Amino acid sequence: MSRKDLTRDEWRRADALARELARDVDRNEFGKIVTYMRRERNPQKVRVLLGRLPHSSFIRSNQTQGYLERIGDAWERHLQGLPRERAVLVASWAFRLMTYYQA
């Protein structure tokens, strides 16, 4: 199995994450988080960012704050326990799927 192949469980996680966020989260906000994770390759840094960002002075709208809170909650549920590289792949596929579900 190449590192880009997702297991059945990883596909399930990516799909569940995408479907949950597609309902009421701006895909651009999720895309920024996925881009950060792909650059940093460290899920722990993403967790810290998602914990702090919604309550920071960088957020100017309650709507964006809500998006980030929902992303953080879903992130914890669906990516918990995955190894670093696998979490990056699952999140990347979830973003692609979310884009499809919102179309």
PDB file of N, CA and C in Angstrom:
ATOM      1  N   MET A   1       0.854  -1.186   0.000  1.00  0.00           N
ATOM      2  CA  MET A   1       0.000   0.000   0.000  1.00  0.00           C
ATOM      3  C   MET A   1       0.894   1.241   0.000  1.00  0.00           C
ATOM      4  N   SER A   2       0.669   2.122  -0.944  1.00  0.00           N
ATOM      5  CA  SER A   2       1.439   3.368  -0.959  1.00  0.00           C
ATOM      6  C   SER A   2       0.915   4.301   0.121  1.00  0.00           C
ATOM      7  N   ARG A   3       1.710   5.286   0.458  1.00  0.00           N
ATOM      8  CA  ARG A   3       1.308   6.184   1.546  1.00  0.00           C
ATOM      9  C   ARG A   3       0.086   7.022   1.180  1.00  0.00           C
ATOM     10  N   LYS A   4      -0.251   7.106  -0.101  1.00  0.00           N
ATOM     11  CA  LYS A   4      -1.407   7.903  -0.508  1.00  0.00           C
ATOM     12  C   LYS A   4      -2.701   7.102  -0.530  1.00  0.00           C
ATOM     13  N   ASP A   5      -2.600   5.789  -0.399  1.00  0.00           N
ATOM     14  CA  ASP A   5      -3.804   4.966  -0.338  1.00  0.00           C
ATOM     15  C   ASP A   5      -4.409   5.055   1.055  1.00  0.00           C
ATOM     16  N   LEU A   6      -5.698   5.330   1.104  1.00  0.00           N
ATOM     17  CA  LEU A   6      -6.368   5.369   2.401  1.00  0.00           C
ATOM     18  C   LEU A   6      -6.958   4.005   2.715  1.00  0.00           C
ATOM     19  N   THR A   7      -6.926   3.646   3.973  1.00  0.00           N
ATOM     20  CA  THR A   7      -7.581   2.419   4.407  1.00  0.00           C
ATOM     21  C   THR A   7      -9.092   2.665   4.431  1.00  0.00           C
ATOM     22  N   ARG A   8      -9.842   1.604   4.599  1.00  0.00           N
ATOM     23  CA  ARG A   8     -11.305   1.739   4.680  1.00  0.00           C
ATOM     24  C   ARG A   8     -11.698   2.652   5.842  1.00  0.00           C
ATOM     25  N   ASP A   9     -11.044   2.484   6.988  1.00  0.00           N
ATOM     26  CA  ASP A   9     -11.332   3.332   8.149  1.00  0.00           C
ATOM     27  C   ASP A   9     -10.985   4.794   7.867  1.00  0.00           C
ATOM     28  N   GLU A  10      -9.879   5.035   7.178  1.00  0.00           N
ATOM     29  CA  GLU A  10      -9.489   6.410   6.856  1.00  0.00           C
ATOM     30  C   GLU A  10     -10.468   7.052   5.881  1.00  0.00           C
ATOM     31  N   TRP A  11     -10.945   6.289   4.894  1.00  0.00           N
ATOM     32  CA  TRP A  11     -11.968   6.817   3.983  1.00  0.00           C
ATOM     33  C   TRP A  11     -13.238   7.143   4.749  1.00  0.00           C
ATOM     34  N   ARG A  12     -13.613   6.270   5.680  1.00  0.00           N
ATOM     35  CA  ARG A  12     -14.804   6.515   6.493  1.00  0.00           C
ATOM     36  C   ARG A  12     -14.647   7.810   7.281  1.00  0.00           C
ATOM     37  N   ARG A  13     -13.472   8.005   7.859  1.00  0.00           N
ATOM     38  CA  ARG A  13     -13.213   9.226   8.627  1.00  0.00           C
ATOM     39  C   ARG A  13     -13.252  10.469   7.737  1.00  0.00           C
ATOM     40  N   ALA A  14     -12.613  10.387   6.580  1.00  0.00           N
ATOM     41  CA  ALA A  14     -12.589  11.530   5.657  1.00  0.00           C
ATOM     42  C   ALA A  14     -14.011  11.885   5.215  1.00  0.00           C
ATOM     43  N   ASP A  15     -14.790  10.879   4.893  1.00  0.00           N
ATOM     44  CA  ASP A  15     -16.164  11.106   4.447  1.00  0.00           C
ATOM     45  C   ASP A  15     -17.010  11.705   5.569  1.00  0.00           C
ATOM     46  N   ALA A  16     -16.881  11.161   6.771  1.00  0.00           N
ATOM     47  CA  ALA A  16     -17.669  11.671   7.904  1.00  0.00           C
ATOM     48  C   ALA A  16     -17.294  13.115   8.222  1.00  0.00           C
ATOM     49  N   LEU A  17     -16.006  13.417   8.198  1.00  0.00           N
ATOM     50  CA  LEU A  17     -15.544  14.781   8.461  1.00  0.00           C
ATOM     51  C   LEU A  17     -16.086  15.727   7.390  1.00  0.00           C
ATOM     52  N   ALA A  18     -15.976  15.325   6.130  1.00  0.00           N
ATOM     53  CA  ALA A  18     -16.451  16.169   5.030  1.00  0.00           C
ATOM     54  C   ALA A  18     -17.955  16.408   5.098  1.00  0.00           C
ATOM     55  N   ARG A  19     -18.716  15.359   5.344  1.00  0.00           N
ATOM     56  CA  ARG A  19     -20.177  15.508   5.401  1.00  0.00           C
ATOM     57  C   ARG A  19     -20.609  16.399   6.566  1.00  0.00           C
ATOM     58  N   GLU A  20     -19.946  16.236   7.690  1.00  0.00           N
ATOM     59  CA  GLU A  20     -20.296  17.058   8.856  1.00  0.00           C
ATOM     60  C   GLU A  20     -20.017  18.531   8.590  1.00  0.00           C
ATOM     61  N   LEU A  21     -18.869  18.826   8.009  1.00  0.00           N
ATOM     62  CA  LEU A  21     -18.506  20.226   7.778  1.00  0.00           C
ATOM     63  C   LEU A  21     -19.224  20.828   6.578  1.00  0.00           C
ATOM     64  N   ALA A  22     -19.594  20.014   5.607  1.00  0.00           N
ATOM     65  CA  ALA A  22     -20.241  20.533   4.393  1.00  0.00           C
ATOM     66  C   ALA A  22     -21.585  21.177   4.693  1.00  0.00           C
ATOM     67  N   ARG A  23     -22.232  20.765   5.767  1.00  0.00           N
ATOM     68  CA  ARG A  23     -23.571  21.286   6.091  1.00  0.00           C
ATOM     69  C   ARG A  23     -23.559  22.781   6.382  1.00  0.00           C
ATOM     70  N   ASP A  24     -22.578  23.230   7.172  1.00  0.00           N
ATOM     71  CA  ASP A  24     -22.674  24.625   7.610  1.00  0.00           C
ATOM     72  C   ASP A  24     -21.334  25.289   7.934  1.00  0.00           C
ATOM     73  N   VAL A  25     -20.276  24.870   7.231  1.00  0.00           N
ATOM     74  CA  VAL A  25     -18.963  25.491   7.419  1.00  0.00           C
ATOM     75  C   VAL A  25     -18.468  25.991   6.071  1.00  0.00           C
ATOM     76  N   ASP A  26     -17.915  27.189   6.056  1.00  0.00           N
ATOM     77  CA  ASP A  26     -17.329  27.753   4.843  1.00  0.00           C
ATOM     78  C   ASP A  26     -16.102  26.920   4.469  1.00  0.00           C
ATOM     79  N   ARG A  27     -16.091  26.390   3.257  1.00  0.00           N
ATOM     80  CA  ARG A  27     -14.994  25.524   2.837  1.00  0.00           C
ATOM     81  C   ARG A  27     -13.658  26.252   2.848  1.00  0.00           C
ATOM     82  N   ASN A  28     -13.666  27.560   2.657  1.00  0.00           N
ATOM     83  CA  ASN A  28     -12.414  28.320   2.680  1.00  0.00           C
ATOM     84  C   ASN A  28     -11.767  28.297   4.057  1.00  0.00           C
ATOM     85  N   GLU A  29     -12.576  28.329   5.098  1.00  0.00           N
ATOM     86  CA  GLU A  29     -12.024  28.271   6.454  1.00  0.00           C
ATOM     87  C   GLU A  29     -11.407  26.897   6.731  1.00  0.00           C
ATOM     88  N   PHE A  30     -12.089  25.840   6.300  1.00  0.00           N
ATOM     89  CA  PHE A  30     -11.533  24.501   6.468  1.00  0.00           C
ATOM     90  C   PHE A  30     -10.282  24.349   5.611  1.00  0.00           C
ATOM     91  N   GLY A  31     -10.304  24.909   4.412  1.00  0.00           N
ATOM     92  CA  GLY A  31      -9.145  24.849   3.523  1.00  0.00           C
ATOM     93  C   GLY A  31      -7.906  25.490   4.133  1.00  0.00           C
ATOM     94  N   LYS A  32      -8.096  26.592   4.850  1.00  0.00           N
ATOM     95  CA  LYS A  32      -6.956  27.252   5.512  1.00  0.00           C
ATOM     96  C   LYS A  32      -6.350  26.344   6.575  1.00  0.00           C
ATOM     97  N   ILE A  33      -7.205  25.653   7.310  1.00  0.00           N
ATOM     98  CA  ILE A  33      -6.718  24.749   8.362  1.00  0.00           C
ATOM     99  C   ILE A  33      -5.982  23.566   7.734  1.00  0.00           C
ATOM    100  N   VAL A  34      -6.522  23.007   6.662  1.00  0.00           N
ATOM    101  CA  VAL A  34      -5.878  21.876   5.989  1.00  0.00           C
ATOM    102  C   VAL A  34      -4.535  22.315   5.395  1.00  0.00           C
ATOM    103  N   THR A  35      -4.488  23.490   4.814  1.00  0.00           N
ATOM    104  CA  THR A  35      -3.228  24.004   4.261  1.00  0.00           C
ATOM    105  C   THR A  35      -2.183  24.154   5.359  1.00  0.00           C
ATOM    106  N   TYR A  36      -2.589  24.678   6.497  1.00  0.00           N
ATOM    107  CA  TYR A  36      -1.674  24.809   7.635  1.00  0.00           C
ATOM    108  C   TYR A  36      -1.166  23.428   8.066  1.00  0.00           C
ATOM    109  N   MET A  37      -2.061  22.456   8.129  1.00  0.00           N
ATOM    110  CA  MET A  37      -1.652  21.117   8.547  1.00  0.00           C
ATOM    111  C   MET A  37      -0.704  20.487   7.531  1.00  0.00           C
ATOM    112  N   ARG A  38      -0.969  20.686   6.258  1.00  0.00           N
ATOM    113  CA  ARG A  38      -0.087  20.121   5.234  1.00  0.00           C
ATOM    114  C   ARG A  38       1.294  20.755   5.296  1.00  0.00           C
ATOM    115  N   ARG A  39       1.350  22.027   5.629  1.00  0.00           N
ATOM    116  CA  ARG A  39       2.642  22.706   5.735  1.00  0.00           C
ATOM    117  C   ARG A  39       3.387  22.275   6.993  1.00  0.00           C
ATOM    118  N   GLU A  40       2.698  22.242   8.112  1.00  0.00           N
ATOM    119  CA  GLU A  40       3.334  21.926   9.389  1.00  0.00           C
ATOM    120  C   GLU A  40       3.530  20.427   9.613  1.00  0.00           C
ATOM    121  N   ARG A  41       2.623  19.625   9.051  1.00  0.00           N
ATOM    122  CA  ARG A  41       2.664  18.168   9.227  1.00  0.00           C
ATOM    123  C   ARG A  41       2.666  17.766  10.699  1.00  0.00           C
ATOM    124  N   ASN A  42       1.892  18.494  11.482  1.00  0.00           N
ATOM    125  CA  ASN A  42       1.850  18.226  12.916  1.00  0.00           C
ATOM    126  C   ASN A  42       0.428  18.448  13.432  1.00  0.00           C
ATOM    127  N   PRO A  43      -0.329  17.362  13.596  1.00  0.00           N
ATOM    128  CA  PRO A  43      -1.714  17.498  14.068  1.00  0.00           C
ATOM    129  C   PRO A  43      -1.827  18.196  15.424  1.00  0.00           C
ATOM    130  N   GLN A  44      -0.822  18.062  16.275  1.00  0.00           N
ATOM    131  CA  GLN A  44      -0.873  18.720  17.580  1.00  0.00           C
ATOM    132  C   GLN A  44      -0.875  20.243  17.424  1.00  0.00           C
ATOM    133  N   LYS A  45      -0.083  20.756  16.492  1.00  0.00           N
ATOM    134  CA  LYS A  45      -0.081  22.204  16.238  1.00  0.00           C
ATOM    135  C   LYS A  45      -1.440  22.670  15.726  1.00  0.00           C
ATOM    136  N   VAL A  46      -2.080  21.835  14.927  1.00  0.00           N
ATOM    137  CA  VAL A  46      -3.409  22.189  14.411  1.00  0.00           C
ATOM    138  C   VAL A  46      -4.407  22.225  15.558  1.00  0.00           C
ATOM    139  N   ARG A  47      -4.325  21.254  16.465  1.00  0.00           N
ATOM    140  CA  ARG A  47      -5.229  21.245  17.630  1.00  0.00           C
ATOM    141  C   ARG A  47      -5.063  22.521  18.457  1.00  0.00           C
ATOM    142  N   VAL A  48      -3.818  22.915  18.674  1.00  0.00           N
ATOM    143  CA  VAL A  48      -3.556  24.143  19.440  1.00  0.00           C
ATOM    144  C   VAL A  48      -4.136  25.346  18.702  1.00  0.00           C
ATOM    145  N   LEU A  49      -3.896  25.419  17.400  1.00  0.00           N
ATOM    146  CA  LEU A  49      -4.429  26.527  16.599  1.00  0.00           C
ATOM    147  C   LEU A  49      -5.950  26.570  16.670  1.00  0.00           C
ATOM    148  N   LEU A  50      -6.583  25.417  16.513  1.00  0.00           N
ATOM    149  CA  LEU A  50      -8.051  25.369  16.539  1.00  0.00           C
ATOM    150  C   LEU A  50      -8.606  25.675  17.927  1.00  0.00           C
ATOM    151  N   GLY A  51      -7.823  25.452  18.956  1.00  0.00           N
ATOM    152  CA  GLY A  51      -8.262  25.804  20.304  1.00  0.00           C
ATOM    153  C   GLY A  51      -8.169  27.296  20.581  1.00  0.00           C
ATOM    154  N   ARG A  52      -7.171  27.921  20.000  1.00  0.00           N
ATOM    155  CA  ARG A  52      -6.929  29.349  20.268  1.00  0.00           C
ATOM    156  C   ARG A  52      -7.579  30.299  19.272  1.00  0.00           C
ATOM    157  N   LEU A  53      -7.576  29.931  18.015  1.00  0.00           N
ATOM    158  CA  LEU A  53      -7.991  30.844  16.955  1.00  0.00           C
ATOM    159  C   LEU A  53      -9.417  31.382  17.095  1.00  0.00           C
ATOM    160  N   PRO A  54     -10.409  30.556  17.433  1.00  0.00           N
ATOM    161  CA  PRO A  54     -11.775  31.102  17.500  1.00  0.00           C
ATOM    162  C   PRO A  54     -11.950  32.227  18.523  1.00  0.00           C
ATOM    163  N   HIS A  55     -11.080  32.298  19.499  1.00  0.00           N
ATOM    164  CA  HIS A  55     -11.219  33.306  20.555  1.00  0.00           C
ATOM    165  C   HIS A  55     -10.136  34.378  20.479  1.00  0.00           C
ATOM    166  N   SER A  56      -9.441  34.420  19.360  1.00  0.00           N
ATOM    167  CA  SER A  56      -8.364  35.393  19.209  1.00  0.00           C
ATOM    168  C   SER A  56      -8.884  36.702  18.615  1.00  0.00           C
ATOM    169  N   SER A  57      -8.054  37.701  18.629  1.00  0.00           N
ATOM    170  CA  SER A  57      -8.437  38.997  18.066  1.00  0.00           C
ATOM    171  C   SER A  57      -8.358  38.985  16.537  1.00  0.00           C
ATOM    172  N   PHE A  58      -7.880  37.890  15.943  1.00  0.00           N
ATOM    173  CA  PHE A  58      -7.810  37.795  14.489  1.00  0.00           C
ATOM    174  C   PHE A  58      -9.183  37.524  13.872  1.00  0.00           C
ATOM    175  N   ILE A  59     -10.097  37.005  14.665  1.00  0.00           N
ATOM    176  CA  ILE A  59     -11.428  36.666  14.168  1.00  0.00           C
ATOM    177  C   ILE A  59     -12.349  37.864  14.374  1.00  0.00           C
ATOM    178  N   ARG A  60     -12.920  38.334  13.299  1.00  0.00           N
ATOM    179  CA  ARG A  60     -13.738  39.542  13.362  1.00  0.00           C
ATOM    180  C   ARG A  60     -15.233  39.266  13.256  1.00  0.00           C
ATOM    181  N   SER A  61     -15.602  38.017  13.029  1.00  0.00           N
ATOM    182  CA  SER A  61     -17.021  37.736  12.842  1.00  0.00           C
ATOM    183  C   SER A  61     -17.435  36.529  13.678  1.00  0.00           C
ATOM    184  N   ASN A  62     -18.635  36.603  14.226  1.00  0.00           N
ATOM    185  CA  ASN A  62     -19.165  35.459  14.986  1.00  0.00           C
ATOM    186  C   ASN A  62     -19.361  34.248  14.087  1.00  0.00           C
ATOM    187  N   GLN A  63     -19.656  34.499  12.816  1.00  0.00           N
ATOM    188  CA  GLN A  63     -19.854  33.402  11.881  1.00  0.00           C
ATOM    189  C   GLN A  63     -18.545  32.623  11.689  1.00  0.00           C
ATOM    190  N   THR A  64     -17.448  33.333  11.494  1.00  0.00           N
ATOM    191  CA  THR A  64     -16.146  32.672  11.339  1.00  0.00           C
ATOM    192  C   THR A  64     -15.762  31.962  12.625  1.00  0.00           C
ATOM    193  N   GLN A  65     -16.036  32.571  13.749  1.00  0.00           N
ATOM    194  CA  GLN A  65     -15.751  31.928  15.032  1.00  0.00           C
ATOM    195  C   GLN A  65     -16.509  30.602  15.129  1.00  0.00           C
ATOM    196  N   GLY A  66     -17.754  30.594  14.731  1.00  0.00           N
ATOM    197  CA  GLY A  66     -18.556  29.371  14.745  1.00  0.00           C
ATOM    198  C   GLY A  66     -17.999  28.308  13.799  1.00  0.00           C
ATOM    199  N   TYR A  67     -17.568  28.738  12.612  1.00  0.00           N
ATOM    200  CA  TYR A  67     -16.962  27.791  11.669  1.00  0.00           C
ATOM    201  C   TYR A  67     -15.757  27.111  12.309  1.00  0.00           C
ATOM    202  N   LEU A  68     -14.894  27.915  12.900  1.00  0.00           N
ATOM    203  CA  LEU A  68     -13.663  27.374  13.485  1.00  0.00           C
ATOM    204  C   LEU A  68     -13.946  26.464  14.672  1.00  0.00           C
ATOM    205  N   GLU A  69     -14.939  26.800  15.453  1.00  0.00           N
ATOM    206  CA  GLU A  69     -15.308  25.935  16.573  1.00  0.00           C
ATOM    207  C   GLU A  69     -15.838  24.595  16.073  1.00  0.00           C
ATOM    208  N   ARG A  70     -16.672  24.631  15.028  1.00  0.00           N
ATOM    209  CA  ARG A  70     -17.202  23.386  14.469  1.00  0.00           C
ATOM    210  C   ARG A  70     -16.094  22.559  13.815  1.00  0.00           C
ATOM    211  N   ILE A  71     -15.157  23.234  13.146  1.00  0.00           N
ATOM    212  CA  ILE A  71     -14.021  22.520  12.559  1.00  0.00           C
ATOM    213  C   ILE A  71     -13.213  21.847  13.666  1.00  0.00           C
ATOM    214  N   GLY A  72     -12.954  22.570  14.746  1.00  0.00           N
ATOM    215  CA  GLY A  72     -12.188  22.001  15.862  1.00  0.00           C
ATOM    216  C   GLY A  72     -12.872  20.802  16.482  1.00  0.00           C
ATOM    217  N   ASP A  73     -14.169  20.886  16.692  1.00  0.00           N
ATOM    218  CA  ASP A  73     -14.925  19.767  17.272  1.00  0.00           C
ATOM    219  C   ASP A  73     -14.875  18.545  16.349  1.00  0.00           C
ATOM    220  N   ALA A  74     -15.124  18.773  15.070  1.00  0.00           N
ATOM    221  CA  ALA A  74     -15.123  17.666  14.101  1.00  0.00           C
ATOM    222  C   ALA A  74     -13.718  17.085  13.944  1.00  0.00           C
ATOM    223  N   TRP A  75     -12.732  17.948  13.967  1.00  0.00           N
ATOM    224  CA  TRP A  75     -11.335  17.527  13.851  1.00  0.00           C
ATOM    225  C   TRP A  75     -10.991  16.529  14.952  1.00  0.00           C
ATOM    226  N   GLU A  76     -11.374  16.864  16.163  1.00  0.00           N
ATOM    227  CA  GLU A  76     -11.091  15.978  17.305  1.00  0.00           C
ATOM    228  C   GLU A  76     -11.799  14.635  17.158  1.00  0.00           C
ATOM    229  N   ARG A  77     -13.036  14.653  16.726  1.00  0.00           N
ATOM    230  CA  ARG A  77     -13.802  13.407  16.610  1.00  0.00           C
ATOM    231  C   ARG A  77     -13.275  12.497  15.504  1.00  0.00           C
ATOM    232  N   HIS A  78     -12.933  13.070  14.363  1.00  0.00           N
ATOM    233  CA  HIS A  78     -12.648  12.246  13.191  1.00  0.00           C
ATOM    234  C   HIS A  78     -11.171  11.964  12.947  1.00  0.00           C
ATOM    235  N   LEU A  79     -10.278  12.772  13.498  1.00  0.00           N
ATOM    236  CA  LEU A  79      -8.848  12.553  13.242  1.00  0.00           C
ATOM    237  C   LEU A  79      -8.099  12.057  14.470  1.00  0.00           C
ATOM    238  N   GLN A  80      -8.806  11.925  15.561  1.00  0.00           N
ATOM    239  CA  GLN A  80      -8.215  11.452  16.816  1.00  0.00           C
ATOM    240  C   GLN A  80      -7.535  10.094  16.618  1.00  0.00           C
ATOM    241  N   GLY A  81      -6.297   9.978  17.060  1.00  0.00           N
ATOM    242  CA  GLY A  81      -5.597   8.703  17.067  1.00  0.00           C
ATOM    243  C   GLY A  81      -4.900   8.327  15.770  1.00  0.00           C
ATOM    244  N   LEU A  82      -5.043   9.133  14.736  1.00  0.00           N
ATOM    245  CA  LEU A  82      -4.353   8.818  13.482  1.00  0.00           C
ATOM    246  C   LEU A  82      -2.896   9.276  13.560  1.00  0.00           C
ATOM    247  N   PRO A  83      -1.985   8.492  12.986  1.00  0.00           N
ATOM    248  CA  PRO A  83      -0.594   8.955  12.897  1.00  0.00           C
ATOM    249  C   PRO A  83      -0.511  10.230  12.056  1.00  0.00           C
ATOM    250  N   ARG A  84       0.515  10.992  12.270  1.00  0.00           N
ATOM    251  CA  ARG A  84       0.691  12.313  11.657  1.00  0.00           C
ATOM    252  C   ARG A  84       0.437  12.316  10.144  1.00  0.00           C
ATOM    253  N   GLU A  85       1.152  11.513   9.402  1.00  0.00           N
ATOM    254  CA  GLU A  85       1.017  11.526   7.942  1.00  0.00           C
ATOM    255  C   GLU A  85      -0.370  11.059   7.497  1.00  0.00           C
ATOM    256  N   ARG A  86      -0.939  10.128   8.213  1.00  0.00           N
ATOM    257  CA  ARG A  86      -2.267   9.630   7.858  1.00  0.00           C
ATOM    258  C   ARG A  86      -3.320  10.700   8.120  1.00  0.00           C
ATOM    259  N   ALA A  87      -3.170  11.449   9.208  1.00  0.00           N
ATOM    260  CA  ALA A  87      -4.113  12.528   9.520  1.00  0.00           C
ATOM    261  C   ALA A  87      -4.067  13.601   8.432  1.00  0.00           C
ATOM    262  N   VAL A  88      -2.873  13.892   7.916  1.00  0.00           N
ATOM    263  CA  VAL A  88      -2.735  14.878   6.839  1.00  0.00           C
ATOM    264  C   VAL A  88      -3.492  14.402   5.600  1.00  0.00           C
ATOM    265  N   LEU A  89      -3.330  13.135   5.252  1.00  0.00           N
ATOM    266  CA  LEU A  89      -4.026  12.596   4.078  1.00  0.00           C
ATOM    267  C   LEU A  89      -5.538  12.587   4.260  1.00  0.00           C
ATOM    268  N   VAL A  90      -5.993  12.173   5.415  1.00  0.00           N
ATOM    269  CA  VAL A  90      -7.436  12.120   5.676  1.00  0.00           C
ATOM    270  C   VAL A  90      -8.027  13.530   5.611  1.00  0.00           C
ATOM    271  N   ALA A  91      -7.360  14.497   6.231  1.00  0.00           N
ATOM    272  CA  ALA A  91      -7.859  15.882   6.213  1.00  0.00           C
ATOM    273  C   ALA A  91      -7.882  16.431   4.781  1.00  0.00           C
ATOM    274  N   SER A  92      -6.857  16.127   4.007  1.00  0.00           N
ATOM    275  CA  SER A  92      -6.799  16.602   2.620  1.00  0.00           C
ATOM    276  C   SER A  92      -7.942  16.022   1.794  1.00  0.00           C
ATOM    277  N   TRP A  93      -8.200  14.736   1.949  1.00  0.00           N
ATOM    278  CA  TRP A  93      -9.310  14.119   1.231  1.00  0.00           C
ATOM    279  C   TRP A  93     -10.655  14.635   1.737  1.00  0.00           C
ATOM    280  N   ALA A  94     -10.755  14.890   3.020  1.00  0.00           N
ATOM    281  CA  ALA A  94     -11.996  15.434   3.568  1.00  0.00           C
ATOM    282  C   ALA A  94     -12.301  16.794   2.933  1.00  0.00           C
ATOM    283  N   PHE A  95     -11.272  17.604   2.728  1.00  0.00           N
ATOM    284  CA  PHE A  95     -11.473  18.904   2.089  1.00  0.00           C
ATOM    285  C   PHE A  95     -11.980  18.724   0.656  1.00  0.00           C
ATOM    286  N   ARG A  96     -11.387  17.793  -0.071  1.00  0.00           N
ATOM    287  CA  ARG A  96     -11.847  17.539  -1.445  1.00  0.00           C
ATOM    288  C   ARG A  96     -13.297  17.063  -1.452  1.00  0.00           C
ATOM    289  N   LEU A  97     -13.608  16.152  -0.563  1.00  0.00           N
ATOM    290  CA  LEU A  97     -14.978  15.634  -0.480  1.00  0.00           C
ATOM    291  C   LEU A  97     -15.959  16.727  -0.064  1.00  0.00           C
ATOM    292  N   MET A  98     -15.547  17.571   0.872  1.00  0.00           N
ATOM    293  CA  MET A  98     -16.418  18.658   1.330  1.00  0.00           C
ATOM    294  C   MET A  98     -16.766  19.575   0.157  1.00  0.00           C
ATOM    295  N   THR A  99     -15.775  19.867  -0.663  1.00  0.00           N
ATOM    296  CA  THR A  99     -16.003  20.700  -1.847  1.00  0.00           C
ATOM    297  C   THR A  99     -17.040  20.049  -2.749  1.00  0.00           C
ATOM    298  N   TYR A 100     -16.940  18.741  -2.940  1.00  0.00           N
ATOM    299  CA  TYR A 100     -17.890  17.996  -3.766  1.00  0.00           C
ATOM    300  C   TYR A 100     -19.283  18.040  -3.137  1.00  0.00           C
ATOM    301  N   TYR A 101     -19.381  17.812  -1.832  1.00  0.00           N
ATOM    302  CA  TYR A 101     -20.690  17.769  -1.164  1.00  0.00           C
ATOM    303  C   TYR A 101     -21.367  19.135  -1.176  1.00  0.00           C
ATOM    304  N   GLN A 102     -20.600  20.202  -1.177  1.00  0.00           N
ATOM    305  CA  GLN A 102     -21.208  21.529  -1.179  1.00  0.00           C
ATOM    306  C   GLN A 102     -21.620  21.986  -2.574  1.00  0.00           C
ATOM    307  N   ALA A 103     -21.135  21.286  -3.608  1.00  0.00           N
ATOM    308  CA  ALA A 103     -21.435  21.699  -4.994  1.00  0.00           C
ATOM    309  C   ALA A 103     -22.862  21.372  -5.369  1.00  0.00           C
TER     310      ALA A 103
END
